[in-house]
Amino acid sequence: MTVARTLVREKNDVTIVDTDSYLLQEISGRLDLRTVQGNAAHPDILKQAGAEDADMIIAATTSDEVNMIACQVAYTLYHTPTKIARIRAQVYLREGKLYANESIPIDHIISPEQLITEHVFRLIEYPGSLQVIDFAKGRVRLVGVRADRNGSLVGSTISCLSQRPSLDTRVAAIYRQGQAIVPTGDTTIQANDEVFFITSRQDTLTVMEEIRGISKPSKRIMIAGGGNIGRSVAKVLESRYRVKLIEKSPNRSFTLAESLNRTLVLKGDATDRELLIEEGIDNVDVFCALTNDDEDNILCAMLAKRLGADKVISLIARPAYVDLIQKDIIDIAVSPQQVTTSALLTHIRRGDVVAVHSLRHGAAEAIEAIAHGDYRTSKVVGRCINELSLPSGASIGALVRDEQVLIAHGDIKIEEGDHVIIFLTDKNKVPQVEKLFQVGVAFI
């Protein structure tokens, strides 16, 4: 529904197919779109939904098999140009040769478990971060942190950054008490501000320390939930951290113990206060609540925090819960919908947009767009950053030119082929940015 809402807001014609009539009735009452009840893999249902004229199919049901067959039917019978499928099972993800027009015609695969694993890994890799996003194949990073009184930049204006030639970064946005501030040189960073900055990969930790002070590196990680996500997170962490994983199911615990090499698997309930104390929760650097149940995740994360865990991360699917508990109770709430939506939007955006990331639970957005054309056919190529007609709330943070990272300054001229990283405090302005990067009809 999150993706549908975004597409409708951006004036796309959207049709949702689902077997649940009650859900369709609820969605149609909220959004201006068509609904069709039925199995999305059935040819007659896809035809009824308008597959003959559709530019894209996004198959995101809970069944991998239905998603794959829906894409197959859309391509074979209706020649749908773009086919996106959500695939969860690792046995399918490992077989890359499956996905081609002559076999299973899927253009882009979205794996929620993989995306969430990468997201959680970055949060642990950079202690003190609220969000860490890669652009231009990892050369540039957008990082969100909460300013601390120990940071040397706290209490200083942003213009002080220009006085530190070794610190090449740009503050893209500041959120103060939930309100967005488009920073200028005179803006002062205050304690508890949520600061989003853009810098090169190698300078990320240095800039974080200037805003937050030096954070203690994480060593001990505890994970609640041994499902697909919990197991995947443990797998990527266990070679670098001391990891404990708590799983209720005896059978699943046994399977996890066999498949994980260095993770200590514990059979038990992560909401069990005595178990957490016995396993040294007060010495845990990061507690990750990654079960399939929002209420369990919130409860065990709250308990872990109260018992002494330094930082708690909780997987929370319901957006209403996120707004209620983050900051005051749980350090970071990870929304599966927002993580997945970001990946989907990357393949939906226009104007040579190659990466999209949803921020602050969907309120803001960061985009990586490629500049094409020349001074005559493009509204950006051959122009300095301070000459661009960016919508309010939008700012350019960096350019990537070949292998070179250029932190954005007003006098930098955009060249053909530059990757441009843009931050928008208001995601409703995305169409204006897309239009800005579209090439005129004279471009060949």
Protein backbone atom coordinates (compact mmCIF):
# COMPACT_ATOMS: atom_id res chain seq x y z
CA MET A 1 0.00 0.00 0.00
CA THR A 2 2.93 2.32 0.66
CA VAL A 3 4.11 2.02 -2.95
CA ALA A 4 0.58 2.46 -4.28
CA ARG A 5 0.11 5.62 -2.22
CA THR A 6 3.36 7.05 -3.59
CA LEU A 7 2.46 6.25 -7.19
CA VAL A 8 -1.04 7.72 -6.86
CA ARG A 9 0.32 10.94 -5.38
CA GLU A 10 2.60 11.26 -8.39
CA LYS A 11 -0.38 11.08 -10.79
CA ASN A 12 0.13 7.50 -12.03
CA ASP A 13 -2.79 5.27 -13.03
CA VAL A 14 -2.64 2.40 -10.54
CA THR A 15 -4.58 -0.85 -10.30
CA ILE A 16 -4.21 -3.17 -7.29
CA VAL A 17 -4.99 -6.90 -7.56
CA ASP A 18 -5.60 -8.94 -4.41
CA THR A 19 -7.68 -11.89 -3.25
CA ASP A 20 -8.84 -10.04 -0.11
CA SER A 21 -12.01 -8.08 -0.92
CA TYR A 22 -12.05 -6.34 2.47
CA LEU A 23 -8.49 -5.06 1.98
CA LEU A 24 -9.31 -3.81 -1.53
CA GLN A 25 -12.38 -2.00 -0.22
CA GLU A 26 -10.27 -0.32 2.46
CA ILE A 27 -7.58 0.75 -0.04
CA SER A 28 -10.06 2.08 -2.60
CA GLY A 29 -11.67 4.16 0.13
CA ARG A 30 -8.34 5.84 0.86
CA LEU A 31 -6.67 6.13 -2.54
CA ASP A 32 -7.74 7.16 -6.03
CA LEU A 33 -7.06 3.89 -7.86
CA ARG A 34 -8.72 0.82 -9.38
CA THR A 35 -8.97 -2.52 -7.61
CA VAL A 36 -9.51 -6.02 -8.98
CA GLN A 37 -10.24 -9.03 -6.79
CA GLY A 38 -8.58 -12.28 -7.81
CA ASN A 39 -5.34 -14.22 -8.19
CA ALA A 40 -2.65 -11.99 -9.75
CA ALA A 41 -1.15 -14.97 -11.59
CA HIS A 42 -4.35 -15.69 -13.55
CA PRO A 43 -4.39 -14.32 -17.12
CA ASP A 44 -8.06 -13.21 -16.98
CA ILE A 45 -7.46 -11.28 -13.74
CA LEU A 46 -4.42 -9.51 -15.20
CA LYS A 47 -6.40 -8.64 -18.33
CA GLN A 48 -9.22 -7.26 -16.20
CA ALA A 49 -6.63 -5.15 -14.35
CA GLY A 50 -5.46 -3.61 -17.64
CA ALA A 51 -2.29 -5.60 -18.28
CA GLU A 52 -2.63 -5.07 -22.05
CA ASP A 53 -1.88 -1.35 -21.62
CA ALA A 54 0.28 -1.41 -18.47
CA ASP A 55 3.81 -0.02 -18.50
CA MET A 56 4.82 -2.02 -15.43
CA ILE A 57 3.79 -4.87 -13.17
CA ILE A 58 4.92 -4.95 -9.54
CA ALA A 59 4.28 -8.46 -8.19
CA ALA A 60 4.57 -8.13 -4.42
CA THR A 61 2.27 -10.78 -2.97
CA THR A 62 3.36 -12.98 -0.07
CA SER A 63 3.96 -15.88 -2.48
CA ASP A 64 7.20 -16.01 -4.51
CA GLU A 65 5.60 -18.43 -6.94
CA VAL A 66 2.58 -16.19 -7.60
CA ASN A 67 4.91 -13.23 -8.15
CA MET A 68 7.02 -15.13 -10.67
CA ILE A 69 4.06 -16.51 -12.59
CA ALA A 70 2.36 -13.09 -12.66
CA CYS A 71 5.45 -11.65 -14.34
CA GLN A 72 5.58 -14.59 -16.75
CA VAL A 73 1.93 -14.16 -17.76
CA ALA A 74 2.25 -10.37 -18.08
CA TYR A 75 5.23 -10.75 -20.39
CA THR A 76 4.04 -13.69 -22.48
CA LEU A 77 0.43 -12.62 -23.05
CA TYR A 78 0.51 -8.84 -22.68
CA HIS A 79 4.14 -7.84 -23.41
CA THR A 80 4.36 -5.73 -20.25
CA PRO A 81 7.64 -3.75 -20.61
CA THR A 82 8.84 -3.68 -16.98
CA LYS A 83 8.38 -6.53 -14.53
CA ILE A 84 9.32 -6.29 -10.84
CA ALA A 85 8.89 -9.16 -8.36
CA ARG A 86 9.38 -9.53 -4.65
CA ILE A 87 11.26 -12.78 -3.99
CA ARG A 88 11.98 -14.03 -0.47
CA ALA A 89 13.26 -17.60 -0.72
CA GLN A 90 17.05 -17.89 -0.86
CA VAL A 91 16.78 -20.93 -3.14
CA TYR A 92 15.28 -18.67 -5.80
CA LEU A 93 17.59 -15.73 -5.16
CA ARG A 94 20.70 -17.87 -5.65
CA GLU A 95 19.66 -18.94 -9.14
CA GLY A 96 20.31 -15.78 -11.17
CA LYS A 97 20.04 -17.62 -14.50
CA LEU A 98 16.33 -18.17 -13.88
CA TYR A 99 15.45 -14.56 -14.55
CA ALA A 100 15.58 -13.79 -18.27
CA ASN A 101 12.96 -13.29 -20.97
CA GLU A 102 13.49 -16.81 -22.28
CA SER A 103 12.91 -18.34 -18.82
CA ILE A 104 11.22 -16.30 -16.04
CA PRO A 105 10.97 -12.72 -17.37
CA ILE A 106 11.66 -10.56 -14.30
CA ASP A 107 13.58 -7.34 -14.84
CA HIS A 108 14.15 -6.42 -11.20
CA ILE A 109 14.03 -8.60 -8.06
CA ILE A 110 13.27 -7.11 -4.66
CA SER A 111 14.34 -9.18 -1.62
CA PRO A 112 13.00 -7.62 1.61
CA GLU A 113 15.15 -9.83 3.83
CA GLN A 114 18.33 -8.90 1.97
CA LEU A 115 17.49 -5.19 2.01
CA ILE A 116 16.71 -5.16 5.74
CA THR A 117 19.87 -7.14 6.51
CA GLU A 118 22.02 -4.57 4.69
CA HIS A 119 20.17 -1.74 6.44
CA VAL A 120 20.70 -3.20 9.93
CA PHE A 121 24.35 -4.05 9.17
CA ARG A 122 25.12 -0.40 8.30
CA LEU A 123 23.46 0.82 11.51
CA ILE A 124 25.70 -1.48 13.53
CA GLU A 125 28.80 -0.73 11.46
CA TYR A 126 28.39 2.99 12.20
CA PRO A 127 27.52 3.34 15.92
CA GLY A 128 25.35 6.38 16.56
CA SER A 129 23.84 6.47 13.07
CA LEU A 130 20.09 6.65 12.44
CA GLN A 131 20.34 5.87 8.75
CA VAL A 132 23.27 5.10 6.42
CA ILE A 133 22.69 5.11 2.67
CA ASP A 134 25.15 4.41 -0.14
CA PHE A 135 25.14 6.19 -3.49
CA ALA A 136 27.28 5.82 -6.62
CA LYS A 137 28.34 2.25 -5.74
CA GLY A 138 29.39 3.23 -2.22
CA ARG A 139 31.55 6.22 -3.10
CA VAL A 140 29.15 8.67 -1.42
CA ARG A 141 27.17 8.24 1.79
CA LEU A 142 24.17 10.01 3.21
CA VAL A 143 24.13 9.60 6.98
CA GLY A 144 21.57 10.64 9.58
CA VAL A 145 22.76 11.17 13.16
CA ARG A 146 21.42 12.81 16.29
CA ALA A 147 23.66 15.67 17.37
CA ASP A 148 25.21 15.30 20.82
CA ARG A 149 26.70 17.91 23.13
CA ASN A 150 30.02 16.08 22.85
CA GLY A 151 30.25 16.89 19.14
CA SER A 152 32.64 19.74 18.34
CA LEU A 153 30.23 21.13 15.69
CA VAL A 154 27.30 21.33 18.10
CA GLY A 155 26.72 24.98 18.95
CA SER A 156 28.57 26.08 15.81
CA THR A 157 27.21 27.35 12.52
CA ILE A 158 27.40 25.20 9.41
CA SER A 159 29.75 27.75 7.84
CA CYS A 160 32.38 26.46 10.28
CA LEU A 161 32.65 23.37 8.09
CA SER A 162 34.24 25.44 5.32
CA GLN A 163 36.98 26.44 7.77
CA ARG A 164 38.06 22.80 8.04
CA PRO A 165 39.55 21.92 4.65
CA SER A 166 40.16 18.33 5.75
CA LEU A 167 36.44 17.89 6.47
CA ASP A 168 34.67 17.92 3.11
CA THR A 169 30.97 17.39 3.77
CA ARG A 170 27.62 19.04 3.22
CA VAL A 171 24.71 19.15 5.65
CA ALA A 172 21.67 18.30 3.54
CA ALA A 173 18.96 18.80 6.17
CA ILE A 174 18.33 19.27 9.86
CA TYR A 175 15.23 18.12 11.72
CA ARG A 176 14.57 19.94 14.98
CA GLN A 177 11.67 18.70 17.12
CA GLY A 178 10.32 16.95 14.04
CA GLN A 179 10.39 20.04 11.80
CA ALA A 180 12.60 20.22 8.72
CA ILE A 181 15.16 23.01 8.47
CA VAL A 182 16.87 23.69 5.14
CA PRO A 183 20.34 24.62 6.41
CA THR A 184 22.26 27.72 5.41
CA GLY A 185 25.73 28.83 6.44
CA ASP A 186 24.23 30.68 9.41
CA THR A 187 22.26 27.69 10.73
CA THR A 188 23.52 26.48 14.11
CA ILE A 189 23.58 22.77 14.90
CA GLN A 190 21.94 22.17 18.26
CA ALA A 191 22.03 19.17 20.59
CA ASN A 192 19.34 16.59 19.72
CA ASP A 193 19.04 17.86 16.14
CA GLU A 194 18.62 15.08 13.60
CA VAL A 195 21.33 15.92 11.07
CA PHE A 196 21.60 14.44 7.58
CA PHE A 197 24.98 14.97 5.94
CA ILE A 198 26.59 13.79 2.72
CA THR A 199 30.26 12.89 2.46
CA SER A 200 32.63 10.42 0.87
CA ARG A 201 32.76 6.89 2.25
CA GLN A 202 36.19 7.35 3.85
CA ASP A 203 35.16 10.53 5.71
CA THR A 204 31.94 9.14 7.18
CA LEU A 205 33.22 8.30 10.67
CA THR A 206 35.16 11.57 10.97
CA VAL A 207 32.08 13.69 10.24
CA MET A 208 29.97 11.60 12.61
CA GLU A 209 32.46 12.23 15.41
CA GLU A 210 32.30 15.99 14.78
CA ILE A 211 28.52 15.94 15.25
CA ARG A 212 28.15 13.25 17.91
CA GLY A 213 31.52 12.92 19.57
CA ILE A 214 33.41 9.63 19.52
CA SER A 215 31.05 6.62 19.71
CA LYS A 216 32.13 3.38 21.30
CA PRO A 217 32.51 0.69 18.62
CA SER A 218 30.00 -2.15 18.85
CA LYS A 219 31.29 -5.58 19.86
CA ARG A 220 28.43 -7.54 21.41
CA ILE A 221 25.20 -8.02 19.46
CA MET A 222 22.06 -9.80 20.61
CA ILE A 223 19.32 -10.74 18.12
CA ALA A 224 15.74 -11.64 19.02
CA GLY A 225 14.13 -13.84 16.38
CA GLY A 226 15.67 -16.53 14.22
CA GLY A 227 13.47 -16.15 11.15
CA ASN A 228 14.84 -15.34 7.71
CA ILE A 229 15.84 -11.81 8.70
CA GLY A 230 17.32 -12.74 12.10
CA ARG A 231 19.35 -15.55 10.57
CA SER A 232 20.55 -13.36 7.69
CA VAL A 233 21.65 -10.56 10.06
CA ALA A 234 23.48 -13.03 12.31
CA LYS A 235 25.23 -14.52 9.28
CA VAL A 236 26.69 -11.20 8.11
CA LEU A 237 27.64 -10.10 11.63
CA GLU A 238 29.17 -13.23 13.16
CA SER A 239 32.59 -12.90 11.52
CA ARG A 240 33.14 -9.43 13.02
CA TYR A 241 31.07 -9.32 16.21
CA ARG A 242 30.17 -11.51 19.17
CA VAL A 243 26.59 -12.52 18.32
CA LYS A 244 23.90 -14.20 20.39
CA LEU A 245 20.54 -15.13 18.84
CA ILE A 246 17.39 -16.00 20.79
CA GLU A 247 14.75 -18.16 19.08
CA LYS A 248 11.55 -19.63 20.60
CA SER A 249 11.12 -22.66 18.35
CA PRO A 250 13.19 -25.72 19.38
CA ASN A 251 13.32 -27.03 15.79
CA ARG A 252 14.30 -23.66 14.36
CA SER A 253 16.93 -23.19 17.09
CA PHE A 254 18.51 -26.51 16.16
CA THR A 255 18.55 -25.59 12.45
CA LEU A 256 20.10 -22.19 13.21
CA ALA A 257 22.80 -23.71 15.41
CA GLU A 258 23.80 -25.97 12.51
CA SER A 259 23.78 -23.26 9.83
CA LEU A 260 25.51 -20.45 11.77
CA ASN A 261 29.22 -20.83 12.43
CA ARG A 262 30.10 -18.46 15.27
CA THR A 263 26.71 -17.29 16.56
CA LEU A 264 25.58 -18.60 19.95
CA VAL A 265 21.98 -19.75 19.44
CA LEU A 266 19.74 -19.75 22.53
CA LYS A 267 16.34 -21.43 22.70
CA GLY A 268 14.05 -19.14 24.63
CA ASP A 269 11.75 -16.13 24.68
CA ALA A 270 13.38 -12.72 24.17
CA THR A 271 10.68 -11.14 26.37
CA ASP A 272 11.89 -13.30 29.28
CA ARG A 273 13.51 -10.86 31.71
CA GLU A 274 15.50 -13.53 33.53
CA LEU A 275 16.91 -14.93 30.29
CA LEU A 276 18.11 -11.51 29.14
CA ILE A 277 19.76 -10.84 32.49
CA GLU A 278 21.38 -14.28 32.53
CA GLU A 279 22.81 -13.69 29.04
CA GLY A 280 24.35 -10.33 30.02
CA ILE A 281 21.97 -7.87 28.40
CA ASP A 282 23.62 -5.03 30.36
CA ASN A 283 26.84 -5.64 28.37
CA VAL A 284 25.15 -5.75 24.96
CA ASP A 285 26.10 -2.93 22.59
CA VAL A 286 23.21 -3.45 20.14
CA PHE A 287 20.00 -5.42 20.69
CA CYS A 288 18.09 -6.19 17.46
CA ALA A 289 14.44 -7.22 17.74
CA LEU A 290 13.80 -8.99 14.43
CA THR A 291 10.88 -11.35 14.99
CA ASN A 292 7.81 -11.41 12.72
CA ASP A 293 5.61 -9.83 15.40
CA ASP A 294 5.56 -6.05 15.97
CA GLU A 295 4.30 -6.33 19.54
CA ASP A 296 6.99 -8.86 20.50
CA ASN A 297 9.67 -6.69 18.90
CA ILE A 298 8.54 -3.58 20.75
CA LEU A 299 8.20 -5.39 24.07
CA CYS A 300 11.57 -7.16 24.02
CA ALA A 301 13.36 -4.04 22.72
CA MET A 302 11.86 -1.95 25.53
CA LEU A 303 12.85 -4.60 28.07
CA ALA A 304 16.37 -4.86 26.68
CA LYS A 305 16.79 -1.08 26.87
CA ARG A 306 15.52 -0.95 30.43
CA LEU A 307 17.88 -3.77 31.45
CA GLY A 308 20.94 -1.96 30.12
CA ALA A 309 21.39 -2.60 26.39
CA ASP A 310 23.27 0.38 24.99
CA LYS A 311 21.27 0.64 21.75
CA VAL A 312 18.10 -1.11 20.57
CA ILE A 313 16.89 -1.58 17.00
CA SER A 314 13.40 -2.92 16.36
CA LEU A 315 11.74 -4.16 13.19
CA ILE A 316 8.25 -2.60 13.09
CA ALA A 317 5.86 -3.07 10.19
CA ARG A 318 2.97 -0.84 11.30
CA PRO A 319 3.73 2.85 10.60
CA ALA A 320 1.52 3.99 13.48
CA TYR A 321 3.70 2.08 15.95
CA VAL A 322 6.88 3.67 14.61
CA ASP A 323 5.74 7.22 15.39
CA LEU A 324 4.64 6.21 18.87
CA ILE A 325 7.78 4.52 20.12
CA GLN A 326 10.87 5.79 18.31
CA LYS A 327 13.27 8.15 20.13
CA ASP A 328 11.63 8.00 23.54
CA ILE A 329 11.63 4.22 23.94
CA ILE A 330 13.47 2.56 21.05
CA ASP A 331 16.57 4.04 19.44
CA ILE A 332 15.84 3.01 15.84
CA ALA A 333 12.69 1.56 14.30
CA VAL A 334 13.24 -0.19 10.98
CA SER A 335 10.23 -0.26 8.68
CA PRO A 336 10.21 -3.18 6.19
CA GLN A 337 7.76 -1.27 4.00
CA GLN A 338 9.97 1.81 3.74
CA VAL A 339 13.10 -0.22 3.01
CA THR A 340 11.28 -2.18 0.31
CA THR A 341 9.59 0.92 -1.09
CA SER A 342 12.95 2.61 -1.58
CA ALA A 343 14.15 -0.30 -3.70
CA LEU A 344 10.96 -0.32 -5.75
CA LEU A 345 11.00 3.43 -6.37
CA THR A 346 14.50 3.15 -7.81
CA HIS A 347 12.98 1.23 -10.73
CA ILE A 348 9.93 3.46 -11.05
CA ARG A 349 11.39 6.96 -11.04
CA ARG A 350 11.89 8.83 -14.28
CA GLY A 351 14.56 11.21 -15.57
CA ASP A 352 17.56 8.84 -15.30
CA VAL A 353 17.06 8.34 -11.57
CA VAL A 354 19.24 5.36 -10.61
CA ALA A 355 18.70 5.22 -6.83
CA VAL A 356 15.95 6.30 -4.46
CA HIS A 357 15.87 6.09 -0.68
CA SER A 358 12.90 6.89 1.52
CA LEU A 359 13.87 8.74 4.70
CA ARG A 360 12.24 9.56 8.01
CA HIS A 361 9.49 6.98 7.49
CA GLY A 362 8.58 8.25 4.04
CA ALA A 363 8.45 12.00 4.71
CA ALA A 364 11.71 12.78 2.90
CA GLU A 365 13.61 11.27 0.01
CA ALA A 366 17.15 11.07 -1.32
CA ILE A 367 17.76 10.58 -5.04
CA GLU A 368 20.71 9.76 -7.25
CA ALA A 369 20.15 11.08 -10.78
CA ILE A 370 22.44 11.07 -13.81
CA ALA A 371 22.83 14.31 -15.75
CA HIS A 372 22.51 13.80 -19.52
CA GLY A 373 22.53 16.10 -22.52
CA ASP A 374 24.24 19.46 -23.03
CA TYR A 375 23.57 23.10 -22.20
CA ARG A 376 20.93 23.29 -24.95
CA THR A 377 18.98 20.10 -24.18
CA SER A 378 19.39 19.82 -20.40
CA LYS A 379 18.28 22.07 -17.56
CA VAL A 380 21.26 21.04 -15.42
CA VAL A 381 24.25 20.19 -17.65
CA GLY A 382 26.68 23.08 -18.13
CA ARG A 383 25.17 25.01 -15.22
CA CYS A 384 26.53 25.75 -11.76
CA ILE A 385 24.62 24.34 -8.81
CA ASN A 386 23.59 27.81 -7.63
CA GLU A 387 21.99 28.44 -11.06
CA LEU A 388 19.59 25.50 -10.89
CA SER A 389 15.87 25.97 -10.29
CA LEU A 390 15.54 23.45 -7.48
CA PRO A 391 12.18 23.24 -5.69
CA SER A 392 12.02 24.45 -2.11
CA GLY A 393 13.32 21.88 0.35
CA ALA A 394 15.62 20.27 -2.22
CA SER A 395 19.39 20.48 -2.03
CA ILE A 396 22.26 18.91 -3.95
CA GLY A 397 24.72 17.23 -1.61
CA ALA A 398 27.39 15.79 -3.90
CA LEU A 399 28.39 14.90 -7.45
CA VAL A 400 30.25 11.80 -8.54
CA ARG A 401 32.28 12.35 -11.73
CA ASP A 402 33.95 9.15 -12.90
CA GLU A 403 35.80 8.04 -9.73
CA GLN A 404 35.90 11.51 -8.16
CA VAL A 405 33.55 12.64 -5.37
CA LEU A 406 32.74 16.35 -5.42
CA ILE A 407 30.94 17.67 -2.35
CA ALA A 408 28.43 20.20 -3.64
CA HIS A 409 29.30 23.89 -3.59
CA GLY A 410 27.43 26.60 -5.48
CA ASP A 411 30.15 27.26 -8.05
CA ILE A 412 30.55 23.62 -9.17
CA LYS A 413 29.38 23.13 -12.75
CA ILE A 414 27.46 19.95 -13.58
CA GLU A 415 28.81 17.96 -16.51
CA GLU A 416 27.25 15.30 -18.73
CA GLY A 417 27.37 11.91 -16.99
CA ASP A 418 27.67 13.29 -13.44
CA HIS A 419 25.81 11.36 -10.74
CA VAL A 420 23.96 13.99 -8.68
CA ILE A 421 22.83 13.25 -5.11
CA ILE A 422 19.74 15.25 -4.13
CA PHE A 423 18.01 15.46 -0.73
CA LEU A 424 14.32 16.46 -0.52
CA THR A 425 12.64 17.29 2.76
CA ASP A 426 9.29 17.07 0.94
CA LYS A 427 8.90 13.96 -1.20
CA ASN A 428 5.98 15.58 -3.04
CA LYS A 429 8.57 17.67 -4.89
CA VAL A 430 10.10 14.56 -6.49
CA PRO A 431 8.29 15.01 -9.86
CA GLN A 432 9.80 18.51 -10.17
CA VAL A 433 13.31 17.11 -9.65
CA GLU A 434 12.66 14.31 -12.13
CA LYS A 435 11.50 16.84 -14.70
CA LEU A 436 14.62 18.91 -14.09
CA PHE A 437 16.82 15.97 -15.06
CA GLN A 438 14.84 14.92 -18.12
CA VAL A 439 16.52 15.60 -21.45
CA GLY A 440 14.86 17.76 -24.11
CA VAL A 441 13.61 16.34 -27.41
CA ALA A 442 16.65 17.67 -29.29
CA PHE A 443 18.95 15.24 -27.44
CA ILE A 444 20.17 12.32 -29.56
